[in-house]
PDB file of N, CA and C in Angstrom:
ATOM      1  N   UNK A   1      82.959  26.864  22.364  1.00  0.00           N
ATOM      2  CA  UNK A   1      83.546  26.242  21.188  1.00  0.00           C
ATOM      3  C   UNK A   1      83.139  26.977  19.934  1.00  0.00           C
ATOM      4  N   UNK A   2      84.024  26.938  18.961  1.00  0.00           N
ATOM      5  CA  UNK A   2      83.772  27.547  17.661  1.00  0.00           C
ATOM      6  C   UNK A   2      83.893  26.452  16.602  1.00  0.00           C
ATOM      7  N   UNK A   3      82.935  26.415  15.711  1.00  0.00           N
ATOM      8  CA  UNK A   3      82.974  25.446  14.620  1.00  0.00           C
ATOM      9  C   UNK A   3      83.079  26.183  13.291  1.00  0.00           C
ATOM     10  N   UNK A   4      83.922  25.663  12.426  1.00  0.00           N
ATOM     11  CA  UNK A   4      84.089  26.204  11.078  1.00  0.00           C
ATOM     12  C   UNK A   4      83.827  25.082  10.080  1.00  0.00           C
ATOM     13  N   UNK A   5      82.927  25.326   9.156  1.00  0.00           N
ATOM     14  CA  UNK A   5      82.568  24.317   8.165  1.00  0.00           C
ATOM     15  C   UNK A   5      82.851  24.867   6.775  1.00  0.00           C
ATOM     16  N   UNK A   6      83.771  24.200   6.078  1.00  0.00           N
ATOM     17  CA  UNK A   6      84.169  24.639   4.746  1.00  0.00           C
ATOM     18  C   UNK A   6      83.407  23.862   3.678  1.00  0.00           C
ATOM     19  N   UNK A   7      83.272  24.492   2.526  1.00  0.00           N
ATOM     20  CA  UNK A   7      82.686  23.821   1.375  1.00  0.00           C
ATOM     21  C   UNK A   7      83.204  24.478   0.105  1.00  0.00           C
ATOM     22  N   UNK A   8      83.023  23.781  -1.021  1.00  0.00           N
ATOM     23  CA  UNK A   8      83.362  24.372  -2.305  1.00  0.00           C
ATOM     24  C   UNK A   8      84.596  23.833  -2.981  1.00  0.00           C
ATOM     25  N   UNK A   9      85.330  22.956  -2.325  1.00  0.00           N
ATOM     26  CA  UNK A   9      86.509  22.393  -2.964  1.00  0.00           C
ATOM     27  C   UNK A   9      86.126  21.432  -4.075  1.00  0.00           C
ATOM     28  N   UNK A  10      87.147  20.962  -4.802  1.00  0.00           N
ATOM     29  CA  UNK A  10      86.875  20.013  -5.866  1.00  0.00           C
ATOM     30  C   UNK A  10      88.004  19.935  -6.860  1.00  0.00           C
ATOM     31  N   UNK A  11      87.689  19.320  -7.997  1.00  0.00           N
ATOM     32  CA  UNK A  11      88.663  19.144  -9.080  1.00  0.00           C
ATOM     33  C   UNK A  11      88.320  20.094 -10.214  1.00  0.00           C
ATOM     34  N   UNK A  12      89.323  20.813 -10.695  1.00  0.00           N
ATOM     35  CA  UNK A  12      89.107  21.779 -11.769  1.00  0.00           C
ATOM     36  C   UNK A  12      90.328  21.780 -12.676  1.00  0.00           C
ATOM     37  N   UNK A  13      90.122  22.113 -13.933  1.00  0.00           N
ATOM     38  CA  UNK A  13      91.244  22.211 -14.861  1.00  0.00           C
ATOM     39  C   UNK A  13      91.976  23.535 -14.666  1.00  0.00           C
ATOM     40  N   UNK A  14      93.227  23.542 -15.050  1.00  0.00           N
ATOM     41  CA  UNK A  14      94.006  24.774 -14.979  1.00  0.00           C
ATOM     42  C   UNK A  14      93.295  25.884 -15.752  1.00  0.00           C
ATOM     43  N   UNK A  15      93.269  27.063 -15.149  1.00  0.00           N
ATOM     44  CA  UNK A  15      92.572  28.196 -15.736  1.00  0.00           C
ATOM     45  C   UNK A  15      91.153  28.348 -15.256  1.00  0.00           C
ATOM     46  N   UNK A  16      90.657  27.343 -14.560  1.00  0.00           N
ATOM     47  CA  UNK A  16      89.294  27.374 -14.064  1.00  0.00           C
ATOM     48  C   UNK A  16      89.166  28.126 -12.753  1.00  0.00           C
ATOM     49  N   UNK A  17      87.941  28.081 -12.212  1.00  0.00           N
ATOM     50  CA  UNK A  17      87.629  28.825 -10.987  1.00  0.00           C
ATOM     51  C   UNK A  17      86.914  27.936  -9.985  1.00  0.00           C
ATOM     52  N   UNK A  18      87.087  28.263  -8.729  1.00  0.00           N
ATOM     53  CA  UNK A  18      86.342  27.654  -7.634  1.00  0.00           C
ATOM     54  C   UNK A  18      86.070  28.724  -6.586  1.00  0.00           C
ATOM     55  N   UNK A  19      85.004  28.517  -5.835  1.00  0.00           N
ATOM     56  CA  UNK A  19      84.684  29.416  -4.730  1.00  0.00           C
ATOM     57  C   UNK A  19      84.547  28.602  -3.453  1.00  0.00           C
ATOM     58  N   UNK A  20      85.390  28.897  -2.487  1.00  0.00           N
ATOM     59  CA  UNK A  20      85.318  28.236  -1.194  1.00  0.00           C
ATOM     60  C   UNK A  20      84.489  29.081  -0.229  1.00  0.00           C
ATOM     61  N   UNK A  21      83.755  28.392   0.631  1.00  0.00           N
ATOM     62  CA  UNK A  21      82.974  29.064   1.663  1.00  0.00           C
ATOM     63  C   UNK A  21      83.318  28.455   3.018  1.00  0.00           C
ATOM     64  N   UNK A  22      83.225  29.271   4.055  1.00  0.00           N
ATOM     65  CA  UNK A  22      83.478  28.798   5.412  1.00  0.00           C
ATOM     66  C   UNK A  22      82.506  29.506   6.349  1.00  0.00           C
ATOM     67  N   UNK A  23      81.624  28.714   6.955  1.00  0.00           N
ATOM     68  CA  UNK A  23      80.632  29.254   7.873  1.00  0.00           C
ATOM     69  C   UNK A  23      81.050  28.970   9.303  1.00  0.00           C
ATOM     70  N   UNK A  24      81.037  30.004  10.124  1.00  0.00           N
ATOM     71  CA  UNK A  24      81.428  29.882  11.525  1.00  0.00           C
ATOM     72  C   UNK A  24      80.198  29.886  12.416  1.00  0.00           C
ATOM     73  N   UNK A  25      80.287  29.131  13.500  1.00  0.00           N
ATOM     74  CA  UNK A  25      79.192  29.104  14.476  1.00  0.00           C
ATOM     75  C   UNK A  25      79.783  28.791  15.848  1.00  0.00           C
ATOM     76  N   UNK A  26      78.944  28.980  16.880  1.00  0.00           N
ATOM     77  CA  UNK A  26      79.396  28.681  18.231  1.00  0.00           C
ATOM     78  C   UNK A  26      79.582  29.937  19.054  1.00  0.00           C
ATOM     79  N   UNK A  27      80.483  29.854  20.021  1.00  0.00           N
ATOM     80  CA  UNK A  27      80.723  30.956  20.951  1.00  0.00           C
ATOM     81  C   UNK A  27      81.665  31.984  20.338  1.00  0.00           C
ATOM     82  N   UNK A  28      81.122  32.769  19.431  1.00  0.00           N
ATOM     83  CA  UNK A  28      81.904  33.795  18.739  1.00  0.00           C
ATOM     84  C   UNK A  28      81.494  35.145  19.267  1.00  0.00           C
ATOM     85  N   UNK A  29      82.407  35.827  19.924  1.00  0.00           N
ATOM     86  CA  UNK A  29      82.078  37.104  20.535  1.00  0.00           C
ATOM     87  C   UNK A  29      82.591  38.267  19.708  1.00  0.00           C
ATOM     88  N   UNK A  30      83.797  38.162  19.274  1.00  0.00           N
ATOM     89  CA  UNK A  30      84.377  39.223  18.460  1.00  0.00           C
ATOM     90  C   UNK A  30      85.490  38.618  17.613  1.00  0.00           C
ATOM     91  N   UNK A  31      85.444  38.894  16.344  1.00  0.00           N
ATOM     92  CA  UNK A  31      86.394  38.285  15.417  1.00  0.00           C
ATOM     93  C   UNK A  31      87.462  39.295  15.019  1.00  0.00           C
ATOM     94  N   UNK A  32      88.716  38.902  15.211  1.00  0.00           N
ATOM     95  CA  UNK A  32      89.813  39.759  14.775  1.00  0.00           C
ATOM     96  C   UNK A  32      90.008  39.631  13.271  1.00  0.00           C
ATOM     97  N   UNK A  33      90.061  38.400  12.825  1.00  0.00           N
ATOM     98  CA  UNK A  33      90.228  38.156  11.399  1.00  0.00           C
ATOM     99  C   UNK A  33      89.808  36.734  11.055  1.00  0.00           C
ATOM    100  N   UNK A  34      89.472  36.545   9.801  1.00  0.00           N
ATOM    101  CA  UNK A  34      89.224  35.224   9.243  1.00  0.00           C
ATOM    102  C   UNK A  34      90.120  35.066   8.030  1.00  0.00           C
ATOM    103  N   UNK A  35      90.414  33.838   7.702  1.00  0.00           N
ATOM    104  CA  UNK A  35      91.326  33.657   6.588  1.00  0.00           C
ATOM    105  C   UNK A  35      91.344  32.248   6.046  1.00  0.00           C
ATOM    106  N   UNK A  36      92.168  32.081   5.032  1.00  0.00           N
ATOM    107  CA  UNK A  36      92.360  30.790   4.388  1.00  0.00           C
ATOM    108  C   UNK A  36      93.846  30.471   4.364  1.00  0.00           C
ATOM    109  N   UNK A  37      94.144  29.237   4.695  1.00  0.00           N
ATOM    110  CA  UNK A  37      95.489  28.701   4.599  1.00  0.00           C
ATOM    111  C   UNK A  37      95.415  27.462   3.708  1.00  0.00           C
ATOM    112  N   UNK A  38      96.556  27.008   3.239  1.00  0.00           N
ATOM    113  CA  UNK A  38      96.574  25.783   2.443  1.00  0.00           C
ATOM    114  C   UNK A  38      97.822  24.980   2.752  1.00  0.00           C
ATOM    115  N   UNK A  39      97.701  23.679   2.531  1.00  0.00           N
ATOM    116  CA  UNK A  39      98.826  22.784   2.746  1.00  0.00           C
ATOM    117  C   UNK A  39      98.874  21.758   1.624  1.00  0.00           C
ATOM    118  N   UNK A  40      99.954  21.801   0.860  1.00  0.00           N
ATOM    119  CA  UNK A  40     100.169  20.840  -0.206  1.00  0.00           C
ATOM    120  C   UNK A  40     100.957  19.649   0.347  1.00  0.00           C
ATOM    121  N   UNK A  41     100.878  18.495  -0.294  1.00  0.00           N
ATOM    122  CA  UNK A  41     101.604  17.318   0.191  1.00  0.00           C
ATOM    123  C   UNK A  41     103.100  17.589   0.340  1.00  0.00           C
ATOM    124  N   UNK A  42     103.628  17.272   1.498  1.00  0.00           N
ATOM    125  CA  UNK A  42     105.057  17.437   1.743  1.00  0.00           C
ATOM    126  C   UNK A  42     105.494  18.860   2.029  1.00  0.00           C
ATOM    127  N   UNK A  43     104.529  19.760   2.139  1.00  0.00           N
ATOM    128  CA  UNK A  43     104.866  21.168   2.388  1.00  0.00           C
ATOM    129  C   UNK A  43     104.206  21.654   3.666  1.00  0.00           C
ATOM    130  N   UNK A  44     104.727  22.772   4.186  1.00  0.00           N
ATOM    131  CA  UNK A  44     104.137  23.372   5.364  1.00  0.00           C
ATOM    132  C   UNK A  44     102.874  24.136   5.008  1.00  0.00           C
ATOM    133  N   UNK A  45     102.004  24.278   5.995  1.00  0.00           N
ATOM    134  CA  UNK A  45     100.804  25.073   5.794  1.00  0.00           C
ATOM    135  C   UNK A  45     101.213  26.526   5.577  1.00  0.00           C
ATOM    136  N   UNK A  46     100.598  27.165   4.581  1.00  0.00           N
ATOM    137  CA  UNK A  46     100.925  28.560   4.292  1.00  0.00           C
ATOM    138  C   UNK A  46      99.656  29.409   4.254  1.00  0.00           C
ATOM    139  N   UNK A  47      99.835  30.667   4.607  1.00  0.00           N
ATOM    140  CA  UNK A  47      98.730  31.618   4.540  1.00  0.00           C
ATOM    141  C   UNK A  47      98.418  31.916   3.082  1.00  0.00           C
ATOM    142  N   UNK A  48      97.138  31.937   2.762  1.00  0.00           N
ATOM    143  CA  UNK A  48      96.696  32.304   1.417  1.00  0.00           C
ATOM    144  C   UNK A  48      96.136  33.726   1.428  1.00  0.00           C
ATOM    145  N   UNK A  49      95.185  33.979   2.332  1.00  0.00           N
ATOM    146  CA  UNK A  49      94.550  35.295   2.395  1.00  0.00           C
ATOM    147  C   UNK A  49      93.863  35.455   3.730  1.00  0.00           C
ATOM    148  N   UNK A  50      93.823  36.697   4.223  1.00  0.00           N
ATOM    149  CA  UNK A  50      93.096  37.010   5.439  1.00  0.00           C
ATOM    150  C   UNK A  50      92.288  38.281   5.240  1.00  0.00           C
ATOM    151  N   UNK A  51      91.249  38.427   6.060  1.00  0.00           N
ATOM    152  CA  UNK A  51      90.449  39.640   6.064  1.00  0.00           C
ATOM    153  C   UNK A  51      90.138  39.965   7.514  1.00  0.00           C
ATOM    154  N   UNK A  52      90.395  41.214   7.929  1.00  0.00           N
ATOM    155  CA  UNK A  52      90.187  41.545   9.332  1.00  0.00           C
ATOM    156  C   UNK A  52      88.823  42.174   9.554  1.00  0.00           C
ATOM    157  N   UNK A  53      88.578  42.571  10.796  1.00  0.00           N
ATOM    158  CA  UNK A  53      87.258  43.079  11.159  1.00  0.00           C
ATOM    159  C   UNK A  53      86.906  44.365  10.412  1.00  0.00           C
ATOM    160  N   UNK A  54      87.928  45.089   9.987  1.00  0.00           N
ATOM    161  CA  UNK A  54      87.677  46.320   9.245  1.00  0.00           C
ATOM    162  C   UNK A  54      87.558  46.115   7.750  1.00  0.00           C
ATOM    163  N   UNK A  55      87.767  44.887   7.309  1.00  0.00           N
ATOM    164  CA  UNK A  55      87.647  44.595   5.887  1.00  0.00           C
ATOM    165  C   UNK A  55      88.963  44.645   5.133  1.00  0.00           C
ATOM    166  N   UNK A  56      90.051  44.925   5.823  1.00  0.00           N
ATOM    167  CA  UNK A  56      91.353  44.942   5.156  1.00  0.00           C
ATOM    168  C   UNK A  56      91.784  43.527   4.825  1.00  0.00           C
ATOM    169  N   UNK A  57      92.370  43.377   3.653  1.00  0.00           N
ATOM    170  CA  UNK A  57      92.754  42.048   3.184  1.00  0.00           C
ATOM    171  C   UNK A  57      94.264  41.934   3.015  1.00  0.00           C
ATOM    172  N   UNK A  58      94.707  40.686   3.038  1.00  0.00           N
ATOM    173  CA  UNK A  58      96.124  40.392   2.868  1.00  0.00           C
ATOM    174  C   UNK A  58      96.232  39.097   2.079  1.00  0.00           C
ATOM    175  N   UNK A  59      97.144  39.052   1.103  1.00  0.00           N
ATOM    176  CA  UNK A  59      97.290  37.876   0.249  1.00  0.00           C
ATOM    177  C   UNK A  59      98.755  37.471   0.146  1.00  0.00           C
ATOM    178  N   UNK A  60      98.974  36.179  -0.002  1.00  0.00           N
ATOM    179  CA  UNK A  60     100.312  35.717  -0.354  1.00  0.00           C
ATOM    180  C   UNK A  60     100.575  36.131  -1.797  1.00  0.00           C
ATOM    181  N   UNK A  61     101.811  36.440  -2.107  1.00  0.00           N
ATOM    182  CA  UNK A  61     102.136  36.986  -3.435  1.00  0.00           C
ATOM    183  C   UNK A  61     101.676  36.078  -4.574  1.00  0.00           C
ATOM    184  N   UNK A  62     101.757  34.788  -4.379  1.00  0.00           N
ATOM    185  CA  UNK A  62     101.471  33.852  -5.464  1.00  0.00           C
ATOM    186  C   UNK A  62     100.006  33.839  -5.910  1.00  0.00           C
ATOM    187  N   UNK A  63      99.107  34.417  -5.111  1.00  0.00           N
ATOM    188  CA  UNK A  63      97.682  34.417  -5.490  1.00  0.00           C
ATOM    189  C   UNK A  63      97.143  35.810  -5.767  1.00  0.00           C
ATOM    190  N   UNK A  64      97.958  36.831  -5.575  1.00  0.00           N
ATOM    191  CA  UNK A  64      97.490  38.206  -5.811  1.00  0.00           C
ATOM    192  C   UNK A  64      97.040  38.360  -7.254  1.00  0.00           C
ATOM    193  N   UNK A  65      95.882  38.986  -7.404  1.00  0.00           N
ATOM    194  CA  UNK A  65      95.322  39.192  -8.730  1.00  0.00           C
ATOM    195  C   UNK A  65      94.479  38.027  -9.227  1.00  0.00           C
ATOM    196  N   UNK A  66      94.549  36.898  -8.541  1.00  0.00           N
ATOM    197  CA  UNK A  66      93.769  35.723  -8.948  1.00  0.00           C
ATOM    198  C   UNK A  66      92.725  35.338  -7.910  1.00  0.00           C
ATOM    199  N   UNK A  67      93.040  35.485  -6.635  1.00  0.00           N
ATOM    200  CA  UNK A  67      92.133  35.108  -5.547  1.00  0.00           C
ATOM    201  C   UNK A  67      91.570  36.356  -4.884  1.00  0.00           C
ATOM    202  N   UNK A  68      90.328  36.247  -4.411  1.00  0.00           N
ATOM    203  CA  UNK A  68      89.696  37.338  -3.680  1.00  0.00           C
ATOM    204  C   UNK A  68      89.018  36.781  -2.442  1.00  0.00           C
ATOM    205  N   UNK A  69      89.362  37.345  -1.290  1.00  0.00           N
ATOM    206  CA  UNK A  69      88.725  36.952  -0.036  1.00  0.00           C
ATOM    207  C   UNK A  69      87.655  37.980   0.309  1.00  0.00           C
ATOM    208  N   UNK A  70      86.537  37.496   0.834  1.00  0.00           N
ATOM    209  CA  UNK A  70      85.459  38.392   1.251  1.00  0.00           C
ATOM    210  C   UNK A  70      84.740  37.747   2.426  1.00  0.00           C
ATOM    211  N   UNK A  71      83.904  38.531   3.105  1.00  0.00           N
ATOM    212  CA  UNK A  71      83.170  37.983   4.240  1.00  0.00           C
ATOM    213  C   UNK A  71      81.791  38.590   4.332  1.00  0.00           C
ATOM    214  N   UNK A  72      80.888  37.815   4.873  1.00  0.00           N
ATOM    215  CA  UNK A  72      79.528  38.253   5.159  1.00  0.00           C
ATOM    216  C   UNK A  72      79.401  38.251   6.672  1.00  0.00           C
ATOM    217  N   UNK A  73      79.432  39.429   7.277  1.00  0.00           N
ATOM    218  CA  UNK A  73      79.440  39.507   8.737  1.00  0.00           C
ATOM    219  C   UNK A  73      78.139  38.972   9.339  1.00  0.00           C
ATOM    220  N   UNK A  74      77.043  39.199   8.677  1.00  0.00           N
ATOM    221  CA  UNK A  74      75.748  38.750   9.210  1.00  0.00           C
ATOM    222  C   UNK A  74      75.699  37.222   9.282  1.00  0.00           C
ATOM    223  N   UNK A  75      76.300  36.564   8.312  1.00  0.00           N
ATOM    224  CA  UNK A  75      76.299  35.105   8.268  1.00  0.00           C
ATOM    225  C   UNK A  75      77.549  34.504   8.899  1.00  0.00           C
ATOM    226  N   UNK A  76      78.469  35.331   9.325  1.00  0.00           N
ATOM    227  CA  UNK A  76      79.770  34.909   9.866  1.00  0.00           C
ATOM    228  C   UNK A  76      80.388  33.890   8.911  1.00  0.00           C
ATOM    229  N   UNK A  77      80.484  34.293   7.686  1.00  0.00           N
ATOM    230  CA  UNK A  77      80.985  33.426   6.622  1.00  0.00           C
ATOM    231  C   UNK A  77      82.078  34.152   5.843  1.00  0.00           C
ATOM    232  N   UNK A  78      83.119  33.411   5.518  1.00  0.00           N
ATOM    233  CA  UNK A  78      84.191  33.959   4.706  1.00  0.00           C
ATOM    234  C   UNK A  78      84.273  33.157   3.418  1.00  0.00           C
ATOM    235  N   UNK A  79      84.594  33.847   2.338  1.00  0.00           N
ATOM    236  CA  UNK A  79      84.653  33.223   1.022  1.00  0.00           C
ATOM    237  C   UNK A  79      86.044  33.410   0.419  1.00  0.00           C
ATOM    238  N   UNK A  80      86.396  32.511  -0.474  1.00  0.00           N
ATOM    239  CA  UNK A  80      87.620  32.663  -1.248  1.00  0.00           C
ATOM    240  C   UNK A  80      87.285  32.349  -2.695  1.00  0.00           C
ATOM    241  N   UNK A  81      87.237  33.385  -3.515  1.00  0.00           N
ATOM    242  CA  UNK A  81      87.022  33.215  -4.942  1.00  0.00           C
ATOM    243  C   UNK A  81      88.375  33.000  -5.601  1.00  0.00           C
ATOM    244  N   UNK A  82      88.529  31.870  -6.248  1.00  0.00           N
ATOM    245  CA  UNK A  82      89.816  31.511  -6.849  1.00  0.00           C
ATOM    246  C   UNK A  82      89.646  31.422  -8.363  1.00  0.00           C
ATOM    247  N   UNK A  83      90.314  32.297  -9.075  1.00  0.00           N
ATOM    248  CA  UNK A  83      90.273  32.324 -10.535  1.00  0.00           C
ATOM    249  C   UNK A  83      91.642  31.998 -11.107  1.00  0.00           C
ATOM    250  N   UNK A  84      91.663  31.675 -12.375  1.00  0.00           N
ATOM    251  CA  UNK A  84      92.923  31.364 -13.069  1.00  0.00           C
ATOM    252  C   UNK A  84      93.758  30.367 -12.278  1.00  0.00           C
ATOM    253  N   UNK A  85      93.111  29.316 -11.857  1.00  0.00           N
ATOM    254  CA  UNK A  85      93.785  28.329 -11.007  1.00  0.00           C
ATOM    255  C   UNK A  85      94.921  27.635 -11.744  1.00  0.00           C
ATOM    256  N   UNK A  86      95.957  27.316 -10.984  1.00  0.00           N
ATOM    257  CA  UNK A  86      97.142  26.654 -11.510  1.00  0.00           C
ATOM    258  C   UNK A  86      97.353  25.317 -10.787  1.00  0.00           C
ATOM    259  N   UNK A  87      98.041  24.391 -11.414  1.00  0.00           N
ATOM    260  CA  UNK A  87      98.305  23.117 -10.720  1.00  0.00           C
ATOM    261  C   UNK A  87      98.993  23.308  -9.368  1.00  0.00           C
ATOM    262  N   UNK A  88      99.812  24.328  -9.251  1.00  0.00           N
ATOM    263  CA  UNK A  88     100.501  24.571  -7.977  1.00  0.00           C
ATOM    264  C   UNK A  88      99.583  25.086  -6.883  1.00  0.00           C
ATOM    265  N   UNK A  89      98.326  25.382  -7.216  1.00  0.00           N
ATOM    266  CA  UNK A  89      97.335  25.752  -6.202  1.00  0.00           C
ATOM    267  C   UNK A  89      96.732  24.513  -5.541  1.00  0.00           C
ATOM    268  N   UNK A  90      97.054  23.343  -6.044  1.00  0.00           N
ATOM    269  CA  UNK A  90      96.522  22.107  -5.479  1.00  0.00           C
ATOM    270  C   UNK A  90      96.976  21.954  -4.032  1.00  0.00           C
ATOM    271  N   UNK A  91      96.010  21.782  -3.138  1.00  0.00           N
ATOM    272  CA  UNK A  91      96.300  21.679  -1.707  1.00  0.00           C
ATOM    273  C   UNK A  91      94.999  21.431  -0.954  1.00  0.00           C
ATOM    274  N   UNK A  92      95.144  21.147   0.326  1.00  0.00           N
ATOM    275  CA  UNK A  92      93.993  21.181   1.225  1.00  0.00           C
ATOM    276  C   UNK A  92      93.901  22.604   1.764  1.00  0.00           C
ATOM    277  N   UNK A  93      92.740  23.198   1.618  1.00  0.00           N
ATOM    278  CA  UNK A  93      92.521  24.577   2.053  1.00  0.00           C
ATOM    279  C   UNK A  93      91.776  24.576   3.380  1.00  0.00           C
ATOM    280  N   UNK A  94      92.318  25.342   4.330  1.00  0.00           N
ATOM    281  CA  UNK A  94      91.754  25.408   5.678  1.00  0.00           C
ATOM    282  C   UNK A  94      91.270  26.822   5.972  1.00  0.00           C
ATOM    283  N   UNK A  95      90.114  26.889   6.552  1.00  0.00           N
ATOM    284  CA  UNK A  95      89.564  28.151   7.022  1.00  0.00           C
ATOM    285  C   UNK A  95      90.044  28.404   8.452  1.00  0.00           C
ATOM    286  N   UNK A  96      90.284  29.652   8.784  1.00  0.00           N
ATOM    287  CA  UNK A  96      90.687  29.991  10.146  1.00  0.00           C
ATOM    288  C   UNK A  96      89.903  31.188  10.642  1.00  0.00           C
ATOM    289  N   UNK A  97      89.762  31.250  11.961  1.00  0.00           N
ATOM    290  CA  UNK A  97      89.110  32.382  12.618  1.00  0.00           C
ATOM    291  C   UNK A  97      89.912  32.700  13.862  1.00  0.00           C
ATOM    292  N   UNK A  98      90.221  33.978  14.060  1.00  0.00           N
ATOM    293  CA  UNK A  98      90.911  34.409  15.267  1.00  0.00           C
ATOM    294  C   UNK A  98      89.972  35.279  16.084  1.00  0.00           C
ATOM    295  N   UNK A  99      89.759  34.885  17.343  1.00  0.00           N
ATOM    296  CA  UNK A  99      88.939  35.673  18.248  1.00  0.00           C
ATOM    297  C   UNK A  99      89.713  36.908  18.703  1.00  0.00           C
ATOM    298  N   UNK A 100      89.009  38.011  18.880  1.00  0.00           N
ATOM    299  CA  UNK A 100      89.676  39.244  19.293  1.00  0.00           C
ATOM    300  C   UNK A 100      90.115  39.190  20.747  1.00  0.00           C
ATOM    301  N   UNK A 101      89.216  38.768  21.651  1.00  0.00           N
ATOM    302  CA  UNK A 101      89.484  38.917  23.080  1.00  0.00           C
ATOM    303  C   UNK A 101      90.522  37.933  23.581  1.00  0.00           C
ATOM    304  N   UNK A 102      90.609  36.755  22.963  1.00  0.00           N
ATOM    305  CA  UNK A 102      91.547  35.744  23.443  1.00  0.00           C
ATOM    306  C   UNK A 102      92.759  35.595  22.532  1.00  0.00           C
ATOM    307  N   UNK A 103      92.591  35.971  21.292  1.00  0.00           N
ATOM    308  CA  UNK A 103      93.650  35.751  20.315  1.00  0.00           C
ATOM    309  C   UNK A 103      93.722  34.328  19.811  1.00  0.00           C
ATOM    310  N   UNK A 104      92.831  33.467  20.297  1.00  0.00           N
ATOM    311  CA  UNK A 104      92.835  32.060  19.904  1.00  0.00           C
ATOM    312  C   UNK A 104      92.443  31.885  18.441  1.00  0.00           C
ATOM    313  N   UNK A 105      93.079  30.895  17.810  1.00  0.00           N
ATOM    314  CA  UNK A 105      92.755  30.536  16.439  1.00  0.00           C
ATOM    315  C   UNK A 105      91.893  29.261  16.438  1.00  0.00           C
ATOM    316  N   UNK A 106      90.956  29.223  15.516  1.00  0.00           N
ATOM    317  CA  UNK A 106      90.143  28.037  15.297  1.00  0.00           C
ATOM    318  C   UNK A 106      90.268  27.658  13.821  1.00  0.00           C
ATOM    319  N   UNK A 107      90.152  26.339  13.565  1.00  0.00           N
ATOM    320  CA  UNK A 107      90.379  25.838  12.209  1.00  0.00           C
ATOM    321  C   UNK A 107      89.240  24.957  11.735  1.00  0.00           C
ATOM    322  N   UNK A 108      88.994  24.998  10.436  1.00  0.00           N
ATOM    323  CA  UNK A 108      88.060  24.074   9.834  1.00  0.00           C
ATOM    324  C   UNK A 108      88.745  22.752   9.554  1.00  0.00           C
ATOM    325  N   UNK A 109      87.956  21.823   9.002  1.00  0.00           N
ATOM    326  CA  UNK A 109      88.480  20.485   8.772  1.00  0.00           C
ATOM    327  C   UNK A 109      89.272  20.382   7.475  1.00  0.00           C
ATOM    328  N   UNK A 110      89.163  21.383   6.629  1.00  0.00           N
ATOM    329  CA  UNK A 110      89.894  21.412   5.368  1.00  0.00           C
ATOM    330  C   UNK A 110      89.060  20.918   4.207  1.00  0.00           C
ATOM    331  N   UNK A 111      89.320  21.474   3.040  1.00  0.00           N
ATOM    332  CA  UNK A 111      88.648  21.046   1.820  1.00  0.00           C
ATOM    333  C   UNK A 111      89.686  20.929   0.713  1.00  0.00           C
ATOM    334  N   UNK A 112      89.612  19.838  -0.031  1.00  0.00           N
ATOM    335  CA  UNK A 112      90.622  19.561  -1.048  1.00  0.00           C
ATOM    336  C   UNK A 112      90.345  20.343  -2.323  1.00  0.00           C
ATOM    337  N   UNK A 113      91.378  20.991  -2.830  1.00  0.00           N
ATOM    338  CA  UNK A 113      91.330  21.650  -4.133  1.00  0.00           C
ATOM    339  C   UNK A 113      92.399  21.003  -5.002  1.00  0.00           C
ATOM    340  N   UNK A 114      91.974  20.463  -6.137  1.00  0.00           N
ATOM    341  CA  UNK A 114      92.899  19.815  -7.063  1.00  0.00           C
ATOM    342  C   UNK A 114      92.772  20.479  -8.427  1.00  0.00           C
ATOM    343  N   UNK A 115      93.890  20.960  -8.949  1.00  0.00           N
ATOM    344  CA  UNK A 115      93.909  21.618 -10.250  1.00  0.00           C
ATOM    345  C   UNK A 115      94.727  20.760 -11.209  1.00  0.00           C
ATOM    346  N   UNK A 116      94.071  20.286 -12.254  1.00  0.00           N
ATOM    347  CA  UNK A 116      94.754  19.429 -13.227  1.00  0.00           C
ATOM    348  C   UNK A 116      95.323  20.265 -14.371  1.00  0.00           C
ATOM    349  N   UNK A 117      96.438  19.796 -14.902  1.00  0.00           N
ATOM    350  CA  UNK A 117      97.084  20.536 -15.993  1.00  0.00           C
ATOM    351  C   UNK A 117      96.566  20.093 -17.351  1.00  0.00           C
TER     352      UNK A 117
END
């Protein structure tokens, strides 16, 4: 089993910043990529950012230039630094981890991010 524990969500005014963290533990043998997804009320879950084992990153267009994903391999932790937050960034943010050997995805429980205008 793999466990992902997120932290760092909260309420912030538009233009503010938050930093999300996600610590992974359990039977982790090789990680293909880790990432962040979000789901706003009434909308489908969407990819926000991913980072693979080589450190390459990928972002949804709406957060490019504002969000930065990073990881600490020793701690098996992924971070999402969110700057210049907008009300449309309001959502539940989920951490994900994909194992290399199985291709299986694992998910955290989600953390709420609310941006007030």
